[in-house]
Amino acid sequence: MPMPSVTEIVASVGIGRRYDMVPAATMAHVRTRGRGLHKAIHYHFEGDLDPDSLHPEIARGFQAFQGWVEASGFTPLPGWVEKECEHPQWRFRGHPDVIGHIRDGRLVIPDWKTNSFDPLATGCQLAGYAMLWDVCGTGEKLDETLVVLLSTKTGKAAPIPIDWKEYLQIFQAAVIVYHAINERG
């Protein structure tokens, strides 16, 4: 049985907003847009993106991303774009969007979100990614985790620092509960 992902754990134990009242078609559109923007950013970092091929909605989010990269001086660590990692002791896996340095030399884990985000779920997600960095990373100290809110409406980015340490115990409790539930069968 594969290890559960960070986002699977967070969602399965009920952390975060519920979207039951949002029409299914709207949720499908939001998910498709988010996946498309994530893929565009991934291809950008690999040098394989044709920006002219982007849907206008995704193009505005990508414009926001480019603005943040320019303003922050962000440079990804080689091999750390969507890198899959496993935490053997806590038995979970995940792939942060990217890990890298900003202009002042700080090591950061940014998490791309489009238009809005749930602070509790995202804080737990970033705590999980920080734990993964501890076991899979280079040994360099992680300085910051943040949400980079990418507006597909305005094309502007809003970086929002999220202190992963404030969410660490909640995420670890979620991992324990997840495994307790799933090991009982």
C-alpha atoms as a PDB file:
ATOM      1  CA  MET A   1       0.000   0.000   0.000  1.00  0.00           C
ATOM      2  CA  PRO A   2       1.534   3.366  -0.991  1.00  0.00           C
ATOM      3  CA  MET A   3       2.138   5.983   1.658  1.00  0.00           C
ATOM      4  CA  PRO A   4      -0.613   8.609   1.874  1.00  0.00           C
ATOM      5  CA  SER A   5       0.141  12.082   0.566  1.00  0.00           C
ATOM      6  CA  VAL A   6       0.240  15.229   2.674  1.00  0.00           C
ATOM      7  CA  THR A   7      -2.933  16.557   1.051  1.00  0.00           C
ATOM      8  CA  GLU A   8      -4.686  13.182   1.347  1.00  0.00           C
ATOM      9  CA  ILE A   9      -3.996  13.116   5.096  1.00  0.00           C
ATOM     10  CA  VAL A  10      -5.140  16.699   5.631  1.00  0.00           C
ATOM     11  CA  ALA A  11      -8.379  16.164   3.715  1.00  0.00           C
ATOM     12  CA  SER A  12      -9.194  12.714   5.110  1.00  0.00           C
ATOM     13  CA  VAL A  13      -9.128  13.810   8.745  1.00  0.00           C
ATOM     14  CA  GLY A  14     -11.404  16.766   8.050  1.00  0.00           C
ATOM     15  CA  ILE A  15      -8.938  19.640   8.215  1.00  0.00           C
ATOM     16  CA  GLY A  16      -9.962  22.580   6.099  1.00  0.00           C
ATOM     17  CA  ARG A  17     -13.019  24.045   4.505  1.00  0.00           C
ATOM     18  CA  ARG A  18     -15.815  21.921   3.190  1.00  0.00           C
ATOM     19  CA  TYR A  19     -17.027  22.638  -0.284  1.00  0.00           C
ATOM     20  CA  ASP A  20     -20.230  20.550  -0.230  1.00  0.00           C
ATOM     21  CA  MET A  21     -22.348  23.580  -1.083  1.00  0.00           C
ATOM     22  CA  VAL A  22     -20.298  24.542  -4.152  1.00  0.00           C
ATOM     23  CA  PRO A  23     -21.775  23.184  -7.387  1.00  0.00           C
ATOM     24  CA  ALA A  24     -19.821  20.238  -8.794  1.00  0.00           C
ATOM     25  CA  ALA A  25     -19.242  22.016 -12.115  1.00  0.00           C
ATOM     26  CA  THR A  26     -17.717  25.011 -10.304  1.00  0.00           C
ATOM     27  CA  MET A  27     -15.416  22.779  -8.257  1.00  0.00           C
ATOM     28  CA  ALA A  28     -14.350  20.903 -11.390  1.00  0.00           C
ATOM     29  CA  HIS A  29     -13.514  24.217 -13.090  1.00  0.00           C
ATOM     30  CA  VAL A  30     -11.533  25.465 -10.072  1.00  0.00           C
ATOM     31  CA  ARG A  31      -9.560  22.208  -9.848  1.00  0.00           C
ATOM     32  CA  THR A  32      -8.836  22.169 -13.585  1.00  0.00           C
ATOM     33  CA  ARG A  33      -7.668  25.786 -13.484  1.00  0.00           C
ATOM     34  CA  GLY A  34      -5.424  25.099 -10.475  1.00  0.00           C
ATOM     35  CA  ARG A  35      -3.887  21.996 -12.069  1.00  0.00           C
ATOM     36  CA  GLY A  36      -3.342  23.886 -15.310  1.00  0.00           C
ATOM     37  CA  LEU A  37      -1.566  26.734 -13.561  1.00  0.00           C
ATOM     38  CA  HIS A  38       0.599  24.329 -11.552  1.00  0.00           C
ATOM     39  CA  LYS A  39       1.566  22.520 -14.771  1.00  0.00           C
ATOM     40  CA  ALA A  40       2.376  25.818 -16.501  1.00  0.00           C
ATOM     41  CA  ILE A  41       4.686  26.789 -13.622  1.00  0.00           C
ATOM     42  CA  HIS A  42       6.294  23.351 -13.650  1.00  0.00           C
ATOM     43  CA  TYR A  43       6.919  23.538 -17.414  1.00  0.00           C
ATOM     44  CA  HIS A  44       8.265  27.080 -16.987  1.00  0.00           C
ATOM     45  CA  PHE A  45      10.883  25.862 -14.503  1.00  0.00           C
ATOM     46  CA  GLU A  46      11.811  23.037 -16.889  1.00  0.00           C
ATOM     47  CA  GLY A  47      12.140  25.500 -19.767  1.00  0.00           C
ATOM     48  CA  ASP A  48       9.338  23.781 -21.705  1.00  0.00           C
ATOM     49  CA  LEU A  49       6.504  26.329 -21.501  1.00  0.00           C
ATOM     50  CA  ASP A  50       5.060  28.207 -24.457  1.00  0.00           C
ATOM     51  CA  PRO A  51       3.252  31.070 -22.634  1.00  0.00           C
ATOM     52  CA  ASP A  52       1.226  31.836 -25.775  1.00  0.00           C
ATOM     53  CA  SER A  53      -0.428  28.415 -25.463  1.00  0.00           C
ATOM     54  CA  LEU A  54      -2.036  29.219 -22.087  1.00  0.00           C
ATOM     55  CA  HIS A  55      -5.770  29.698 -21.642  1.00  0.00           C
ATOM     56  CA  PRO A  56      -6.442  33.360 -20.695  1.00  0.00           C
ATOM     57  CA  GLU A  57      -7.502  32.446 -17.154  1.00  0.00           C
ATOM     58  CA  ILE A  58      -4.326  30.433 -16.603  1.00  0.00           C
ATOM     59  CA  ALA A  59      -2.262  33.105 -18.349  1.00  0.00           C
ATOM     60  CA  ARG A  60      -3.363  35.701 -15.749  1.00  0.00           C
ATOM     61  CA  GLY A  61      -2.351  33.359 -12.926  1.00  0.00           C
ATOM     62  CA  PHE A  62       0.958  32.724 -14.674  1.00  0.00           C
ATOM     63  CA  GLN A  63       1.465  36.483 -15.024  1.00  0.00           C
ATOM     64  CA  ALA A  64       0.985  36.736 -11.235  1.00  0.00           C
ATOM     65  CA  PHE A  65       3.545  33.967 -10.720  1.00  0.00           C
ATOM     66  CA  GLN A  66       6.063  35.721 -12.986  1.00  0.00           C
ATOM     67  CA  GLY A  67       5.560  38.962 -11.073  1.00  0.00           C
ATOM     68  CA  TRP A  68       6.286  37.221  -7.769  1.00  0.00           C
ATOM     69  CA  VAL A  69       9.395  35.486  -9.151  1.00  0.00           C
ATOM     70  CA  GLU A  70      10.702  38.810 -10.440  1.00  0.00           C
ATOM     71  CA  ALA A  71       9.923  40.688  -7.221  1.00  0.00           C
ATOM     72  CA  SER A  72      11.336  37.976  -4.913  1.00  0.00           C
ATOM     73  CA  GLY A  73      14.267  36.865  -7.049  1.00  0.00           C
ATOM     74  CA  PHE A  74      13.143  33.263  -6.511  1.00  0.00           C
ATOM     75  CA  THR A  75      15.362  30.539  -7.948  1.00  0.00           C
ATOM     76  CA  PRO A  76      14.407  26.867  -7.547  1.00  0.00           C
ATOM     77  CA  LEU A  77      16.890  24.357  -6.231  1.00  0.00           C
ATOM     78  CA  PRO A  78      17.881  21.932  -8.989  1.00  0.00           C
ATOM     79  CA  GLY A  79      15.624  18.877  -8.851  1.00  0.00           C
ATOM     80  CA  TRP A  80      13.170  20.434  -6.371  1.00  0.00           C
ATOM     81  CA  VAL A  81      10.274  21.276  -8.687  1.00  0.00           C
ATOM     82  CA  GLU A  82       7.402  18.944  -7.735  1.00  0.00           C
ATOM     83  CA  LYS A  83       9.918  16.457  -6.277  1.00  0.00           C
ATOM     84  CA  GLU A  84       8.268  13.438  -4.679  1.00  0.00           C
ATOM     85  CA  CYS A  85       9.615  12.642  -1.222  1.00  0.00           C
ATOM     86  CA  GLU A  86       8.718  10.132   1.513  1.00  0.00           C
ATOM     87  CA  HIS A  87       9.011  10.411   5.272  1.00  0.00           C
ATOM     88  CA  PRO A  88       9.810   6.872   6.438  1.00  0.00           C
ATOM     89  CA  GLN A  89       9.255   7.430  10.176  1.00  0.00           C
ATOM     90  CA  TRP A  90       5.921   9.248   9.844  1.00  0.00           C
ATOM     91  CA  ARG A  91       4.891   7.178   6.793  1.00  0.00           C
ATOM     92  CA  PHE A  92       3.669   9.849   4.411  1.00  0.00           C
ATOM     93  CA  ARG A  93       4.766  11.301   1.099  1.00  0.00           C
ATOM     94  CA  GLY A  94       4.361  14.527  -0.771  1.00  0.00           C
ATOM     95  CA  HIS A  95       5.722  16.815  -3.413  1.00  0.00           C
ATOM     96  CA  PRO A  96       6.049  20.498  -2.595  1.00  0.00           C
ATOM     97  CA  ASP A  97       5.377  22.749  -5.580  1.00  0.00           C
ATOM     98  CA  VAL A  98       9.008  23.886  -5.460  1.00  0.00           C
ATOM     99  CA  ILE A  99      11.802  24.651  -2.992  1.00  0.00           C
ATOM    100  CA  GLY A 100      14.360  27.356  -3.592  1.00  0.00           C
ATOM    101  CA  HIS A 101      16.004  30.607  -2.597  1.00  0.00           C
ATOM    102  CA  ILE A 102      14.722  34.137  -2.761  1.00  0.00           C
ATOM    103  CA  ARG A 103      16.924  37.141  -3.494  1.00  0.00           C
ATOM    104  CA  ASP A 104      18.152  37.614   0.102  1.00  0.00           C
ATOM    105  CA  GLY A 105      19.379  33.991   0.200  1.00  0.00           C
ATOM    106  CA  ARG A 106      16.623  32.557   2.382  1.00  0.00           C
ATOM    107  CA  LEU A 107      15.466  29.024   1.604  1.00  0.00           C
ATOM    108  CA  VAL A 108      11.696  28.941   1.107  1.00  0.00           C
ATOM    109  CA  ILE A 109       8.887  26.564   0.245  1.00  0.00           C
ATOM    110  CA  PRO A 110       6.241  28.523  -1.658  1.00  0.00           C
ATOM    111  CA  ASP A 111       2.876  26.913  -2.279  1.00  0.00           C
ATOM    112  CA  TRP A 112       0.907  28.211  -5.268  1.00  0.00           C
ATOM    113  CA  LYS A 113      -2.767  28.900  -4.638  1.00  0.00           C
ATOM    114  CA  THR A 114      -5.233  30.460  -7.030  1.00  0.00           C
ATOM    115  CA  ASN A 115      -7.502  33.218  -5.755  1.00  0.00           C
ATOM    116  CA  SER A 116      -8.093  31.858  -2.209  1.00  0.00           C
ATOM    117  CA  PHE A 117      -6.900  29.281   0.307  1.00  0.00           C
ATOM    118  CA  ASP A 118      -7.754  27.706   3.646  1.00  0.00           C
ATOM    119  CA  PRO A 119      -5.151  28.835   6.233  1.00  0.00           C
ATOM    120  CA  LEU A 120      -5.472  25.763   8.488  1.00  0.00           C
ATOM    121  CA  ALA A 121      -5.301  23.179   5.696  1.00  0.00           C
ATOM    122  CA  THR A 122      -2.491  25.050   3.951  1.00  0.00           C
ATOM    123  CA  GLY A 123      -0.535  25.529   7.190  1.00  0.00           C
ATOM    124  CA  CYS A 124      -0.748  21.766   7.804  1.00  0.00           C
ATOM    125  CA  GLN A 125       0.251  21.077   4.197  1.00  0.00           C
ATOM    126  CA  LEU A 126       3.317  23.312   4.536  1.00  0.00           C
ATOM    127  CA  ALA A 127       4.215  21.684   7.873  1.00  0.00           C
ATOM    128  CA  GLY A 128       4.177  18.320   6.080  1.00  0.00           C
ATOM    129  CA  TYR A 129       6.427  19.690   3.339  1.00  0.00           C
ATOM    130  CA  ALA A 130       8.822  21.099   5.942  1.00  0.00           C
ATOM    131  CA  MET A 131       8.996  17.645   7.561  1.00  0.00           C
ATOM    132  CA  LEU A 132       9.750  16.147   4.147  1.00  0.00           C
ATOM    133  CA  TRP A 133      12.522  18.700   3.583  1.00  0.00           C
ATOM    134  CA  ASP A 134      14.079  17.588   6.889  1.00  0.00           C
ATOM    135  CA  VAL A 135      14.444  14.004   5.626  1.00  0.00           C
ATOM    136  CA  CYS A 136      14.904  14.482   1.869  1.00  0.00           C
ATOM    137  CA  GLY A 137      16.570  17.879   1.650  1.00  0.00           C
ATOM    138  CA  THR A 138      20.148  19.009   1.387  1.00  0.00           C
ATOM    139  CA  GLY A 139      20.599  19.686   5.104  1.00  0.00           C
ATOM    140  CA  GLU A 140      20.198  23.417   4.590  1.00  0.00           C
ATOM    141  CA  LYS A 141      17.934  25.129   7.127  1.00  0.00           C
ATOM    142  CA  LEU A 142      14.460  25.974   5.864  1.00  0.00           C
ATOM    143  CA  ASP A 143      13.848  29.664   6.521  1.00  0.00           C
ATOM    144  CA  GLU A 144      10.237  30.177   5.496  1.00  0.00           C
ATOM    145  CA  THR A 145       7.098  28.660   4.052  1.00  0.00           C
ATOM    146  CA  LEU A 146       4.552  30.791   2.304  1.00  0.00           C
ATOM    147  CA  VAL A 147       1.487  30.825   0.142  1.00  0.00           C
ATOM    148  CA  VAL A 148       1.837  32.707  -3.097  1.00  0.00           C
ATOM    149  CA  LEU A 149      -1.732  33.634  -3.930  1.00  0.00           C
ATOM    150  CA  LEU A 150      -1.960  33.924  -7.711  1.00  0.00           C
ATOM    151  CA  SER A 151      -4.977  35.843  -8.940  1.00  0.00           C
ATOM    152  CA  THR A 152      -6.412  34.524 -12.187  1.00  0.00           C
ATOM    153  CA  LYS A 153      -8.605  37.639 -12.215  1.00  0.00           C
ATOM    154  CA  THR A 154      -6.055  40.446 -11.804  1.00  0.00           C
ATOM    155  CA  GLY A 155      -2.743  38.780 -12.700  1.00  0.00           C
ATOM    156  CA  LYS A 156      -1.276  39.914  -9.360  1.00  0.00           C
ATOM    157  CA  ALA A 157       0.489  37.830  -6.701  1.00  0.00           C
ATOM    158  CA  ALA A 158       0.168  38.134  -2.943  1.00  0.00           C
ATOM    159  CA  PRO A 159       2.892  36.339  -0.951  1.00  0.00           C
ATOM    160  CA  ILE A 160       1.589  35.356   2.481  1.00  0.00           C
ATOM    161  CA  PRO A 161       4.068  33.947   5.022  1.00  0.00           C
ATOM    162  CA  ILE A 162       2.727  30.873   6.840  1.00  0.00           C
ATOM    163  CA  ASP A 163       4.781  29.722   9.826  1.00  0.00           C
ATOM    164  CA  TRP A 164       4.760  25.956   9.366  1.00  0.00           C
ATOM    165  CA  LYS A 165       5.915  25.455  12.977  1.00  0.00           C
ATOM    166  CA  GLU A 166       2.537  26.744  14.200  1.00  0.00           C
ATOM    167  CA  TYR A 167       0.848  23.870  12.349  1.00  0.00           C
ATOM    168  CA  LEU A 168       3.370  21.093  12.957  1.00  0.00           C
ATOM    169  CA  GLN A 169       1.611  19.427  15.902  1.00  0.00           C
ATOM    170  CA  ILE A 170      -1.743  19.591  14.131  1.00  0.00           C
ATOM    171  CA  PHE A 171      -0.289  17.931  11.036  1.00  0.00           C
ATOM    172  CA  GLN A 172       1.513  15.279  13.094  1.00  0.00           C
ATOM    173  CA  ALA A 173      -1.735  14.530  14.955  1.00  0.00           C
ATOM    174  CA  ALA A 174      -3.490  14.227  11.591  1.00  0.00           C
ATOM    175  CA  VAL A 175      -0.884  11.691  10.429  1.00  0.00           C
ATOM    176  CA  ILE A 176      -1.364   9.646  13.617  1.00  0.00           C
ATOM    177  CA  VAL A 177      -5.173   9.716  13.277  1.00  0.00           C
ATOM    178  CA  TYR A 178      -4.965   8.850   9.559  1.00  0.00           C
ATOM    179  CA  HIS A 179      -2.821   5.778  10.227  1.00  0.00           C
ATOM    180  CA  ALA A 180      -4.900   4.709  13.245  1.00  0.00           C
ATOM    181  CA  ILE A 181      -8.085   4.770  11.165  1.00  0.00           C
ATOM    182  CA  ASN A 182      -6.587   3.074   8.114  1.00  0.00           C
ATOM    183  CA  GLU A 183      -4.710   0.351   9.980  1.00  0.00           C
ATOM    184  CA  ARG A 184      -7.855  -0.866  11.684  1.00  0.00           C
ATOM    185  CA  GLY A 185      -9.270  -1.895   8.335  1.00  0.00           C
END
